[in-house]
């Protein structure tokens, strides 16, 4: 009886926690994204429609549709199915285990359930600027926000002449990998030169606080990009205590550089084992062996407890005209074209 499936049934568990009006809006967005994903991969389908708490895709290419739909945010699991209004279980082969999902008068018969990425549909939340350094943590932070429906605008700080050119290329490849999870939305990446302001930091800041002032400048640049892109937040991969610049006191000193755009740190309480596990899952771990130090400036004995009263007098000596200059020199890369997904 199951020689030929008639379609694919998608479960959208996260959407069920929302009110009916919100759930309807999220479902509309998810259907658009599914259409964009299938068209992007040139996989044919006949119809995509909500049925009860599910989404049903009518197609004969059930294997390809299941694989692609499982990678679309908002889908929690997928199953190739046969649809019937009446199913007599007694007539089913006894050497198979069958399951049913019931929706009003329709019964969906299936044998397998494939886990999907879950979360909320891309585009159901606003844009966020996701910093990408070339390391393990920042891609995970970006992915976590993408899973919650946010559209990422990737941002890499090019530290040349204090960093290796290969780091830039690695960051671009990481962003391209993450963009594979987005369908029907334009994805940009900014590569912002970061050398001039680092020179200014070296000229004026205490050597043990080099990284603190560097990160303050990064936040300033990220805020400018966020304002240009009408983004709602800046996303970083920082983890408490992982590096000297990521102690709680230093994070306070660093983020006080900006006030218009909030900073979100999705990985803040993770440990390295959790990061590595997720990196393997989303296929960014393979870049780990290529990662090199993105900067040659970290001091041998960095401060772990920044004195806030040192920061303002130090920055008063700095030439801050580099902000506008570096933003104007930024390279903007279109990683993925927006696709009409209606």
Protein backbone atom coordinates (compact mmCIF):
# COMPACT_ATOMS: atom_id res chain seq x y z
CA UNK A 1 0.00 0.00 0.00
CA UNK A 2 2.95 2.35 0.66
CA UNK A 3 4.74 1.73 -2.61
CA UNK A 4 3.91 5.28 -3.66
CA UNK A 5 3.58 8.12 -1.19
CA UNK A 6 1.28 10.97 -2.13
CA UNK A 7 3.10 13.71 -0.26
CA UNK A 8 5.02 14.91 2.79
CA UNK A 9 3.52 15.89 6.15
CA UNK A 10 5.37 18.53 8.17
CA UNK A 11 5.00 19.08 11.90
CA UNK A 12 5.57 22.59 13.22
CA UNK A 13 5.72 22.10 16.97
CA UNK A 14 7.05 25.56 17.91
CA UNK A 15 4.20 27.30 16.12
CA UNK A 16 1.64 25.57 18.31
CA UNK A 17 2.72 27.60 21.34
CA UNK A 18 1.50 30.82 19.71
CA UNK A 19 -1.95 32.40 19.69
CA UNK A 20 -4.17 31.56 16.67
CA UNK A 21 -3.55 34.93 14.90
CA UNK A 22 0.22 34.68 15.47
CA UNK A 23 0.25 31.02 14.42
CA UNK A 24 -1.55 31.91 11.20
CA UNK A 25 1.03 34.58 10.35
CA UNK A 26 3.91 32.23 11.14
CA UNK A 27 2.36 29.50 8.98
CA UNK A 28 1.98 31.87 6.03
CA UNK A 29 5.66 32.81 6.33
CA UNK A 30 6.71 29.18 6.63
CA UNK A 31 4.77 28.18 3.51
CA UNK A 32 6.52 31.00 1.58
CA UNK A 33 9.92 29.81 2.79
CA UNK A 34 9.17 26.19 1.89
CA UNK A 35 8.19 27.20 -1.63
CA UNK A 36 11.39 29.22 -1.97
CA UNK A 37 13.53 26.31 -0.69
CA UNK A 38 12.00 23.78 -3.07
CA UNK A 39 12.27 26.15 -6.03
CA UNK A 40 15.86 26.95 -5.11
CA UNK A 41 16.69 23.25 -5.35
CA UNK A 42 14.49 22.76 -8.45
CA UNK A 43 12.36 20.13 -6.68
CA UNK A 44 8.83 20.00 -8.11
CA UNK A 45 5.70 19.99 -5.96
CA UNK A 46 2.01 20.42 -6.66
CA UNK A 47 0.71 22.21 -3.59
CA UNK A 48 1.73 23.33 -0.10
CA UNK A 49 -1.10 23.93 2.33
CA UNK A 50 -1.80 24.04 6.07
CA UNK A 51 -3.97 21.19 7.37
CA UNK A 52 -4.93 21.38 11.03
CA UNK A 53 -1.66 21.75 12.98
CA UNK A 54 0.38 20.38 10.05
CA UNK A 55 1.61 21.54 6.66
CA UNK A 56 1.06 19.13 3.79
CA UNK A 57 3.13 19.15 0.58
CA UNK A 58 1.54 17.32 -2.31
CA UNK A 59 4.38 15.84 -4.38
CA UNK A 60 5.67 12.65 -5.93
CA UNK A 61 9.28 13.57 -5.02
CA UNK A 62 8.79 12.73 -1.39
CA UNK A 63 12.42 11.89 -0.56
CA UNK A 64 13.84 15.17 -1.91
CA UNK A 65 11.01 17.21 -0.44
CA UNK A 66 11.48 15.58 2.97
CA UNK A 67 15.22 16.27 2.90
CA UNK A 68 14.86 19.92 1.89
CA UNK A 69 11.87 20.72 4.10
CA UNK A 70 13.70 19.27 7.11
CA UNK A 71 16.29 22.06 6.71
CA UNK A 72 13.76 24.90 6.73
CA UNK A 73 13.39 26.74 10.04
CA UNK A 74 9.92 26.24 11.50
CA UNK A 75 9.69 22.56 10.55
CA UNK A 76 10.23 20.22 13.51
CA UNK A 77 9.82 16.89 11.69
CA UNK A 78 8.74 15.50 8.33
CA UNK A 79 7.18 12.26 7.09
CA UNK A 80 6.37 10.90 3.65
CA UNK A 81 2.67 9.95 3.80
CA UNK A 82 -0.32 8.53 2.05
CA UNK A 83 -3.52 10.52 2.52
CA UNK A 84 -6.88 8.84 2.84
CA UNK A 85 -10.26 9.59 4.31
CA UNK A 86 -10.71 5.97 5.46
CA UNK A 87 -7.93 3.56 6.35
CA UNK A 88 -8.65 0.03 7.46
CA UNK A 89 -5.65 -0.91 9.57
CA UNK A 90 -6.53 -4.55 9.33
CA UNK A 91 -5.68 -4.47 5.64
CA UNK A 92 -2.15 -3.16 6.16
CA UNK A 93 0.81 -5.54 5.81
CA UNK A 94 1.60 -7.20 9.15
CA UNK A 95 5.39 -7.00 8.65
CA UNK A 96 5.40 -3.18 8.92
CA UNK A 97 4.61 -0.75 11.70
CA UNK A 98 2.35 2.09 10.57
CA UNK A 99 1.46 5.30 12.31
CA UNK A 100 -1.41 7.70 11.80
CA UNK A 101 -1.79 11.45 12.02
CA UNK A 102 -5.44 12.49 11.92
CA UNK A 103 -6.78 15.82 10.71
CA UNK A 104 -10.56 16.10 10.67
CA UNK A 105 -11.66 13.69 7.92
CA UNK A 106 -8.14 13.10 6.60
CA UNK A 107 -5.83 10.38 7.85
CA UNK A 108 -2.09 10.50 7.07
CA UNK A 109 -0.42 7.11 7.06
CA UNK A 110 3.34 6.99 7.61
CA UNK A 111 6.16 4.70 8.60
CA UNK A 112 8.96 7.16 9.40
CA UNK A 113 9.48 10.52 11.08
CA UNK A 114 12.57 12.56 10.20
CA UNK A 115 13.81 15.21 12.62
CA UNK A 116 14.07 18.74 11.23
CA UNK A 117 15.74 21.97 12.35
CA UNK A 118 12.71 23.35 14.24
CA UNK A 119 12.53 26.93 15.47
CA UNK A 120 10.55 29.76 13.87
CA UNK A 121 10.23 30.61 10.16
CA UNK A 122 12.90 32.88 8.73
CA UNK A 123 11.53 36.39 8.40
CA UNK A 124 9.13 36.12 11.33
CA UNK A 125 11.60 38.26 13.31
CA UNK A 126 13.74 41.18 12.19
CA UNK A 127 17.30 41.50 10.95
CA UNK A 128 20.27 40.99 13.25
CA UNK A 129 23.93 41.80 12.59
CA UNK A 130 25.91 38.60 13.22
CA UNK A 131 29.65 38.98 13.70
CA UNK A 132 31.69 36.20 12.08
CA UNK A 133 35.32 35.89 13.16
CA UNK A 134 36.42 32.65 11.51
CA UNK A 135 36.31 30.68 14.77
CA UNK A 136 33.87 28.12 16.17
CA UNK A 137 31.64 30.25 18.39
CA UNK A 138 30.30 33.05 16.19
CA UNK A 139 28.67 30.77 13.57
CA UNK A 140 26.82 28.97 16.38
CA UNK A 141 25.56 32.27 17.78
CA UNK A 142 24.34 33.28 14.31
CA UNK A 143 22.63 29.92 13.79
CA UNK A 144 20.79 30.17 17.10
CA UNK A 145 19.35 33.55 16.11
CA UNK A 146 18.50 32.31 12.62
CA UNK A 147 16.62 29.43 14.21
CA UNK A 148 14.46 31.97 16.04
CA UNK A 149 13.28 33.51 12.78
CA UNK A 150 15.87 36.29 12.41
CA UNK A 151 17.42 37.30 9.09
CA UNK A 152 21.21 37.56 9.51
CA UNK A 153 23.43 40.33 8.19
CA UNK A 154 26.92 38.90 8.55
CA UNK A 155 29.81 41.13 9.60
CA UNK A 156 33.52 40.36 9.57
CA UNK A 157 36.25 42.67 10.85
CA UNK A 158 39.33 42.54 8.63
CA UNK A 159 42.32 43.04 10.94
CA UNK A 160 44.95 43.44 8.20
CA UNK A 161 47.81 44.33 8.76
CA UNK A 162 47.42 42.79 12.25
CA UNK A 163 45.70 39.63 11.00
CA UNK A 164 45.94 37.00 8.29
CA UNK A 165 44.09 37.46 4.98
CA UNK A 166 43.03 33.81 5.18
CA UNK A 167 40.77 34.62 8.15
CA UNK A 168 38.64 36.84 5.92
CA UNK A 169 38.17 34.07 3.38
CA UNK A 170 37.35 31.56 6.11
CA UNK A 171 34.70 33.88 7.58
CA UNK A 172 33.09 34.32 4.16
CA UNK A 173 32.91 30.56 3.70
CA UNK A 174 31.35 30.14 7.14
CA UNK A 175 28.72 32.76 6.30
CA UNK A 176 27.97 31.04 3.00
CA UNK A 177 27.45 27.76 4.82
CA UNK A 178 25.01 29.40 7.24
CA UNK A 179 23.20 31.05 4.33
CA UNK A 180 22.24 27.60 3.09
CA UNK A 181 19.64 27.53 5.88
CA UNK A 182 17.94 30.70 4.59
CA UNK A 183 15.42 30.62 1.75
CA UNK A 184 13.60 33.44 0.00
CA UNK A 185 15.51 36.26 1.69
CA UNK A 186 18.54 38.29 0.62
CA UNK A 187 21.61 37.64 2.76
CA UNK A 188 24.40 40.22 2.95
CA UNK A 189 27.86 40.19 4.44
CA UNK A 190 29.91 43.24 5.37
CA UNK A 191 33.70 42.97 5.50
CA UNK A 192 34.85 46.06 7.40
CA UNK A 193 38.52 47.10 7.55
CA UNK A 194 39.63 47.22 11.17
CA UNK A 195 43.30 48.12 10.92
CA UNK A 196 43.26 51.92 11.30
CA UNK A 197 41.37 51.91 14.58
CA UNK A 198 43.62 49.15 15.93
CA UNK A 199 46.60 51.39 15.21
CA UNK A 200 44.89 54.13 17.19
CA UNK A 201 44.31 51.70 20.07
CA UNK A 202 47.99 50.72 20.10
CA UNK A 203 48.97 54.37 20.14
CA UNK A 204 46.86 55.39 23.15
CA UNK A 205 45.48 52.45 25.17
CA UNK A 206 47.26 50.59 27.99
CA UNK A 207 48.78 47.48 26.45
CA UNK A 208 46.99 45.13 28.82
CA UNK A 209 43.65 46.61 27.66
CA UNK A 210 44.27 46.34 23.90
CA UNK A 211 41.50 43.79 23.41
CA UNK A 212 39.00 45.79 25.46
CA UNK A 213 39.38 48.89 23.31
CA UNK A 214 39.49 46.77 20.16
CA UNK A 215 36.15 45.17 20.99
CA UNK A 216 34.62 48.53 21.88
CA UNK A 217 35.55 49.68 18.40
CA UNK A 218 34.07 46.52 16.89
CA UNK A 219 30.78 47.24 18.62
CA UNK A 220 30.81 50.80 17.30
CA UNK A 221 31.28 49.53 13.76
CA UNK A 222 28.64 46.83 14.22
CA UNK A 223 26.20 49.44 15.48
CA UNK A 224 26.75 51.54 12.35
CA UNK A 225 26.09 48.51 10.14
CA UNK A 226 22.97 47.69 12.17
CA UNK A 227 21.64 51.21 11.67
CA UNK A 228 22.38 51.04 7.94
CA UNK A 229 20.52 47.73 7.66
CA UNK A 230 17.67 48.65 10.02
CA UNK A 231 18.68 45.68 12.18
CA UNK A 232 17.34 45.14 15.68
CA UNK A 233 20.39 43.67 17.42
CA UNK A 234 24.07 42.77 17.24
CA UNK A 235 24.85 39.09 17.75
CA UNK A 236 28.23 37.84 18.97
CA UNK A 237 29.68 34.45 19.90
CA UNK A 238 31.10 35.47 23.27
CA UNK A 239 31.12 32.94 26.13
CA UNK A 240 31.65 34.00 29.72
CA UNK A 241 35.23 33.35 30.81
CA UNK A 242 36.38 31.71 27.58
CA UNK A 243 38.92 34.46 26.97
CA UNK A 244 40.29 37.30 29.09
CA UNK A 245 38.20 39.78 27.10
CA UNK A 246 35.06 37.80 27.97
CA UNK A 247 35.01 38.06 31.75
CA UNK A 248 31.81 39.60 33.07
CA UNK A 249 33.61 42.82 33.99
CA UNK A 250 35.26 43.14 30.59
CA UNK A 251 31.99 42.47 28.77
CA UNK A 252 30.47 45.35 30.74
CA UNK A 253 33.36 47.63 29.76
CA UNK A 254 33.13 46.63 26.11
CA UNK A 255 29.40 46.92 25.53
CA UNK A 256 29.19 50.34 27.18
CA UNK A 257 30.69 51.72 23.95
CA UNK A 258 27.25 51.72 22.28
CA UNK A 259 23.71 52.47 23.36
CA UNK A 260 21.43 52.46 20.28
CA UNK A 261 21.49 48.76 19.38
CA UNK A 262 21.38 45.87 21.91
CA UNK A 263 23.99 43.12 21.97
CA UNK A 264 22.76 39.52 22.11
CA UNK A 265 25.09 36.65 23.08
CA UNK A 266 23.28 33.34 22.42
CA UNK A 267 26.29 31.22 23.44
CA UNK A 268 27.04 33.08 26.67
CA UNK A 269 26.49 30.06 28.96
CA UNK A 270 27.73 27.27 26.67
CA UNK A 271 30.93 25.33 27.11
CA UNK A 272 33.33 24.26 24.35
CA UNK A 273 31.98 20.71 24.13
CA UNK A 274 28.47 22.04 23.48
CA UNK A 275 29.78 24.44 20.83
CA UNK A 276 31.71 21.68 19.06
CA UNK A 277 28.70 19.37 19.12
CA UNK A 278 26.45 21.96 17.51
CA UNK A 279 29.16 22.94 15.01
CA UNK A 280 29.26 19.33 13.84
CA UNK A 281 25.48 19.29 13.55
CA UNK A 282 25.26 22.42 11.38
CA UNK A 283 28.40 21.57 9.40
CA UNK A 284 30.60 24.49 10.44
CA UNK A 285 32.99 22.33 12.50
CA UNK A 286 34.89 21.33 9.38
CA UNK A 287 36.29 24.86 9.20
CA UNK A 288 37.81 24.58 12.69
CA UNK A 289 41.10 23.07 11.56
CA UNK A 290 41.60 26.01 9.18
CA UNK A 291 41.13 28.68 11.82
CA UNK A 292 44.17 30.76 12.61
CA UNK A 293 44.57 33.62 15.05
CA UNK A 294 42.54 36.49 13.64
CA UNK A 295 44.79 39.07 15.31
CA UNK A 296 48.43 39.32 16.39
CA UNK A 297 47.81 42.01 19.03
CA UNK A 298 46.43 40.28 22.17
CA UNK A 299 48.73 41.17 25.09
CA UNK A 300 50.67 38.53 26.98
CA UNK A 301 49.10 39.62 30.26
CA UNK A 302 45.60 40.98 29.45
CA UNK A 303 43.42 42.58 32.07
CA UNK A 304 40.48 40.54 33.30
CA UNK A 305 38.90 43.34 35.34
CA UNK A 306 38.64 46.56 33.37
CA UNK A 307 38.52 49.81 35.26
CA UNK A 308 35.76 51.82 33.64
CA UNK A 309 37.30 55.10 34.78
CA UNK A 310 40.29 54.43 32.52
CA UNK A 311 38.25 54.11 29.33
CA UNK A 312 36.83 57.59 28.77
CA UNK A 313 40.09 59.52 29.31
CA UNK A 314 41.90 57.10 26.99
CA UNK A 315 39.35 57.37 24.19
CA UNK A 316 39.34 61.16 24.44
CA UNK A 317 42.90 61.03 23.09
CA UNK A 318 41.89 58.87 20.11
CA UNK A 319 40.96 60.09 16.64
CA UNK A 320 37.49 58.58 16.11
CA UNK A 321 37.17 59.71 12.49
CA UNK A 322 38.13 56.17 11.56
CA UNK A 323 34.54 55.04 12.20
CA UNK A 324 33.06 56.77 9.18
CA UNK A 325 36.13 55.98 7.08
CA UNK A 326 36.09 52.23 7.78
CA UNK A 327 32.34 51.95 7.22
CA UNK A 328 32.67 53.78 3.88
CA UNK A 329 35.41 51.34 2.84
CA UNK A 330 33.45 48.23 3.81
CA UNK A 331 33.01 45.52 1.21
CA UNK A 332 29.40 44.37 0.87
CA UNK A 333 28.92 40.82 -0.44
CA UNK A 334 25.56 39.41 -1.50
CA UNK A 335 25.75 35.82 -0.30
CA UNK A 336 22.22 34.96 -1.41
CA UNK A 337 19.75 36.79 -3.61
CA UNK A 338 16.29 37.39 -2.29
CA UNK A 339 13.79 35.20 -4.13
CA UNK A 340 10.15 35.99 -4.63
CA UNK A 341 8.60 33.29 -2.50
CA UNK A 342 4.92 34.12 -2.62
